[in-house]
Amino acid sequence: MGIPKPSIEELLRLNRDHRCAGEAAPCVRVSAVADLPTRFGPFQVVAFHSPSDGEEHAALVRGDVVGKERVPVRIHSECLTGDAFGSLRCDCRDQLELALREIDRRDFGVILYLRQEGRGIGFENKIRAYQLQELGLDTMEANEVLGFRADERDYGVAAHMLRSLKIESILLMSNNPDKLKDLASRGIRVEGRIPVSIPANRYNARYLETKRVKGGHLWDPAEKGFVDEQMDSLRAGAVSPSGS
């Protein structure tokens, strides 16, 4: 049984006259749409092109989301080491798969996959940040030592993608309150949050705790399986395994 979906012609037509005049964030346009059967169920994959910087982004779409409200949306930044290689230093792949399973369960929703590796610093710098983490810095300190902000990602791209899909309002699948605020400041109606609960392991416990303590992410350590000694070493500034 097929999934309800807008036609390729409709999505391309909706974006033909899309303009971003006066906005600082780069515009994106739908360039192609195709069916994508996955191990998480049937989706459409939508290719987006950003003319201003040449970047390509993707959306996985389940159901007919055009003109709809309260669409479950996961905004996921590319993580080669986690998403493709199964790294235990972060929770990226776990969050992505959880979101895909949740959308499959609801039979309705969107994954926006942004090409913003390493919180926007790129793959090479991300690996340099790993080296600094192995010397004792946490993930945010490492980015800053390399001359970047703790988080260089731009959710203006995501806002444009949501507008291109003509989504009226979303339920954001995230633990990051800054992501909600950023999208709201760009005119996206965020009507609620769907938590993304991932247990910690001994390699990423400090990374997750750093996101909670320094990034304000909405996690309960007791609930998420944080390792006590990793939390203690973070507070003490000691060297311990960390993530991206």
Protein backbone atom coordinates (compact mmCIF):
# COMPACT_ATOMS: atom_id res chain seq x y z
CA MET A 1 0.00 0.00 0.00
CA GLY A 2 1.44 3.36 -1.02
CA ILE A 3 1.79 6.39 1.22
CA PRO A 4 -0.14 9.60 0.54
CA LYS A 5 2.16 12.17 -1.00
CA PRO A 6 2.19 15.36 -3.02
CA SER A 7 3.26 14.88 -6.62
CA ILE A 8 6.76 15.77 -7.75
CA GLU A 9 5.21 18.35 -10.06
CA GLU A 10 3.36 19.96 -7.15
CA LEU A 11 6.45 20.30 -4.95
CA LEU A 12 8.53 21.65 -7.81
CA ARG A 13 5.76 24.08 -8.75
CA LEU A 14 5.40 25.27 -5.16
CA ASN A 15 9.08 26.17 -5.11
CA ARG A 16 9.43 27.71 -8.55
CA ASP A 17 8.72 31.21 -7.26
CA HIS A 18 10.20 30.77 -3.77
CA ARG A 19 12.11 33.88 -2.69
CA CYS A 20 14.11 34.68 0.42
CA ALA A 21 14.62 38.39 -0.12
CA GLY A 22 15.77 40.25 2.96
CA GLU A 23 16.67 37.10 4.92
CA ALA A 24 20.23 36.40 6.00
CA ALA A 25 19.94 32.60 5.83
CA PRO A 26 20.54 30.92 2.46
CA CYS A 27 17.55 29.99 0.30
CA VAL A 28 16.91 26.38 -0.62
CA ARG A 29 14.85 24.91 -3.42
CA VAL A 30 13.36 21.48 -3.98
CA SER A 31 15.27 20.03 -6.94
CA ALA A 32 14.03 16.42 -7.03
CA VAL A 33 11.67 14.02 -5.25
CA ALA A 34 11.61 10.22 -5.31
CA ASP A 35 10.22 7.27 -3.39
CA LEU A 36 12.62 5.74 -0.86
CA PRO A 37 11.78 2.40 0.73
CA THR A 38 13.84 2.04 3.94
CA ARG A 39 14.23 -0.42 6.80
CA PHE A 40 12.17 2.10 8.79
CA GLY A 41 9.29 2.04 6.31
CA PRO A 42 8.40 3.87 3.08
CA PHE A 43 9.41 7.51 2.68
CA GLN A 44 9.88 10.08 -0.03
CA VAL A 45 13.35 11.56 -0.28
CA VAL A 46 13.45 15.23 -1.27
CA ALA A 47 16.66 16.79 -2.58
CA PHE A 48 17.22 20.45 -1.72
CA HIS A 49 19.76 22.76 -3.34
CA SER A 50 21.10 25.91 -1.72
CA PRO A 51 22.11 28.27 -4.57
CA SER A 52 24.02 30.66 -2.32
CA ASP A 53 26.65 28.15 -1.16
CA GLY A 54 26.11 25.12 -3.39
CA GLU A 55 25.24 22.83 -0.48
CA GLU A 56 22.79 19.96 -0.87
CA HIS A 57 20.42 18.96 1.93
CA ALA A 58 17.80 16.23 2.19
CA ALA A 59 14.40 15.56 3.66
CA LEU A 60 12.75 12.22 4.31
CA VAL A 61 8.99 12.74 4.15
CA ARG A 62 6.31 10.35 5.36
CA GLY A 63 2.74 11.14 4.36
CA ASP A 64 1.31 14.27 2.75
CA VAL A 65 2.76 17.13 4.82
CA VAL A 66 2.01 20.00 2.43
CA GLY A 67 -0.21 22.54 4.18
CA LYS A 68 -0.40 20.44 7.36
CA GLU A 69 -0.06 21.47 11.03
CA ARG A 70 1.70 19.77 13.96
CA VAL A 71 3.95 17.75 11.68
CA PRO A 72 6.55 15.73 13.66
CA VAL A 73 9.95 16.99 12.45
CA ARG A 74 13.48 15.92 13.30
CA ILE A 75 16.22 18.36 12.22
CA HIS A 76 19.36 16.24 12.06
CA SER A 77 22.84 17.53 11.29
CA GLU A 78 25.09 15.23 9.31
CA CYS A 79 27.46 13.07 11.38
CA LEU A 80 29.60 10.78 9.24
CA THR A 81 31.28 9.09 12.20
CA GLY A 82 28.00 8.40 13.99
CA ASP A 83 25.41 8.04 11.23
CA ALA A 84 27.56 5.94 8.87
CA PHE A 85 30.34 4.43 10.99
CA GLY A 86 28.38 3.78 14.19
CA SER A 87 30.63 5.83 16.47
CA LEU A 88 29.95 5.53 20.21
CA ARG A 89 31.42 8.98 20.92
CA CYS A 90 28.08 10.66 20.17
CA ASP A 91 24.37 9.84 20.09
CA CYS A 92 23.71 11.04 16.54
CA ARG A 93 22.88 7.72 14.90
CA ASP A 94 20.73 6.67 17.85
CA GLN A 95 18.74 9.92 17.65
CA LEU A 96 18.29 9.59 13.89
CA GLU A 97 17.08 6.00 14.11
CA LEU A 98 14.77 6.79 17.02
CA ALA A 99 13.20 9.61 14.99
CA LEU A 100 12.77 7.35 11.96
CA ARG A 101 11.08 4.68 14.07
CA GLU A 102 8.81 7.27 15.69
CA ILE A 103 7.74 8.67 12.32
CA ASP A 104 7.13 5.14 11.05
CA ARG A 105 4.94 4.51 14.12
CA ARG A 106 2.96 7.71 13.49
CA ASP A 107 2.97 7.17 9.70
CA PHE A 108 3.49 10.93 9.33
CA GLY A 109 6.48 13.25 9.68
CA VAL A 110 9.70 14.65 8.27
CA ILE A 111 13.44 14.22 8.83
CA LEU A 112 15.51 17.20 7.66
CA TYR A 113 19.09 16.06 7.08
CA LEU A 114 21.42 19.07 7.05
CA ARG A 115 24.97 18.97 5.70
CA GLN A 116 26.43 20.63 8.80
CA GLU A 117 29.04 18.15 10.00
CA GLY A 118 30.58 18.67 13.42
CA ARG A 119 28.04 21.31 14.51
CA GLY A 120 28.88 23.22 11.36
CA ILE A 121 32.70 23.15 11.52
CA GLY A 122 33.20 20.39 8.91
CA PHE A 123 34.64 16.91 9.05
CA GLU A 124 38.36 17.77 9.26
CA ASN A 125 37.85 20.22 12.10
CA LYS A 126 35.56 17.77 13.85
CA ILE A 127 38.39 15.20 13.93
CA ARG A 128 40.76 17.92 15.18
CA ALA A 129 38.21 18.58 17.92
CA TYR A 130 38.27 14.87 18.77
CA GLN A 131 42.04 15.14 19.26
CA LEU A 132 41.57 18.03 21.67
CA GLN A 133 38.87 16.11 23.54
CA GLU A 134 41.32 13.27 24.04
CA LEU A 135 43.59 15.81 25.79
CA GLY A 136 40.79 16.69 28.21
CA LEU A 137 38.65 19.38 26.61
CA ASP A 138 34.92 18.89 26.30
CA THR A 139 33.19 19.04 22.92
CA MET A 140 32.29 22.75 23.19
CA GLU A 141 35.70 23.83 24.49
CA ALA A 142 37.40 21.96 21.63
CA ASN A 143 35.37 23.85 19.01
CA GLU A 144 36.22 27.15 20.67
CA VAL A 145 39.96 26.38 20.84
CA LEU A 146 39.82 25.75 17.09
CA GLY A 147 38.43 29.26 16.63
CA PHE A 148 34.75 28.42 16.25
CA ARG A 149 31.70 29.02 18.35
CA ALA A 150 30.53 26.06 20.40
CA ASP A 151 27.84 25.53 17.75
CA GLU A 152 28.15 26.93 14.21
CA ARG A 153 24.97 25.40 12.80
CA ASP A 154 22.47 27.56 10.92
CA TYR A 155 18.83 26.57 11.31
CA GLY A 156 17.81 29.17 8.76
CA VAL A 157 18.41 26.41 6.21
CA ALA A 158 15.92 24.18 8.05
CA ALA A 159 13.37 26.99 8.22
CA HIS A 160 13.57 27.46 4.45
CA MET A 161 13.21 23.72 3.89
CA LEU A 162 10.06 23.65 6.04
CA ARG A 163 8.65 26.58 4.08
CA SER A 164 9.51 24.86 0.81
CA LEU A 165 7.46 21.86 1.95
CA LYS A 166 4.62 24.27 2.87
CA ILE A 167 4.40 22.88 6.42
CA GLU A 168 2.20 25.10 8.58
CA SER A 169 3.46 24.09 12.05
CA ILE A 170 5.66 21.41 13.61
CA LEU A 171 6.24 19.23 16.65
CA LEU A 172 10.04 19.32 16.98
CA MET A 173 11.83 16.07 17.81
CA SER A 174 14.67 17.47 19.91
CA ASN A 175 16.09 17.97 23.40
CA ASN A 176 17.62 21.32 22.44
CA PRO A 177 15.57 24.37 23.52
CA ASP A 178 17.82 26.70 21.50
CA LYS A 179 16.74 24.89 18.33
CA LEU A 180 13.09 25.59 19.17
CA LYS A 181 13.82 29.27 19.85
CA ASP A 182 15.89 29.65 16.69
CA LEU A 183 13.16 28.19 14.49
CA ALA A 184 10.48 30.30 16.19
CA SER A 185 12.59 33.44 15.61
CA ARG A 186 12.58 32.57 11.90
CA GLY A 187 8.80 32.39 11.74
CA ILE A 188 8.34 28.64 12.12
CA ARG A 189 5.38 27.72 14.33
CA VAL A 190 6.68 25.17 16.85
CA GLU A 191 3.63 23.81 18.68
CA GLY A 192 5.41 21.28 20.84
CA ARG A 193 8.44 19.11 21.46
CA ILE A 194 8.86 15.35 21.14
CA PRO A 195 11.75 14.26 23.43
CA VAL A 196 14.54 12.14 21.93
CA SER A 197 15.68 9.93 24.82
CA ILE A 198 18.97 8.07 24.27
CA PRO A 199 20.81 6.14 27.03
CA ALA A 200 24.46 7.06 27.52
CA ASN A 201 27.42 4.74 27.15
CA ARG A 202 30.88 5.06 28.68
CA TYR A 203 32.24 6.77 25.56
CA ASN A 204 29.61 9.50 25.16
CA ALA A 205 28.48 10.13 28.76
CA ARG A 206 30.63 13.24 29.16
CA TYR A 207 29.50 14.53 25.77
CA LEU A 208 25.83 14.15 26.68
CA GLU A 209 26.38 15.72 30.08
CA THR A 210 28.18 18.65 28.45
CA LYS A 211 25.18 19.23 26.20
CA ARG A 212 22.90 19.12 29.25
CA VAL A 213 25.00 21.33 31.56
CA LYS A 214 26.47 23.81 29.05
CA GLY A 215 23.96 23.58 26.22
CA GLY A 216 20.82 23.44 28.32
CA HIS A 217 19.54 20.28 26.65
CA LEU A 218 16.47 18.87 28.33
CA TRP A 219 17.64 15.58 29.77
CA ASP A 220 17.27 13.86 33.12
CA PRO A 221 20.59 12.06 33.79
CA ALA A 222 18.96 9.45 36.03
CA GLU A 223 16.47 8.66 33.28
CA LYS A 224 18.94 8.53 30.42
CA GLY A 225 21.48 6.16 31.97
CA PHE A 226 24.36 8.58 32.48
CA VAL A 227 27.46 7.03 34.01
CA ASP A 228 28.05 8.60 37.44
CA GLU A 229 31.83 8.69 37.24
CA GLN A 230 31.68 10.47 33.88
CA MET A 231 29.42 13.15 35.36
CA ASP A 232 31.78 13.57 38.30
CA SER A 233 34.82 13.90 36.06
CA LEU A 234 33.07 16.52 33.95
CA ARG A 235 32.34 18.64 37.00
CA ALA A 236 35.93 18.21 38.20
CA GLY A 237 37.39 19.01 34.78
CA ALA A 238 39.20 15.68 34.61
CA VAL A 239 40.07 13.81 31.44
CA SER A 240 37.44 11.27 30.40
CA PRO A 241 36.03 9.83 27.17
CA SER A 242 33.96 12.39 25.29
CA GLY A 243 32.00 12.84 22.09
CA SER A 244 31.47 15.13 19.16
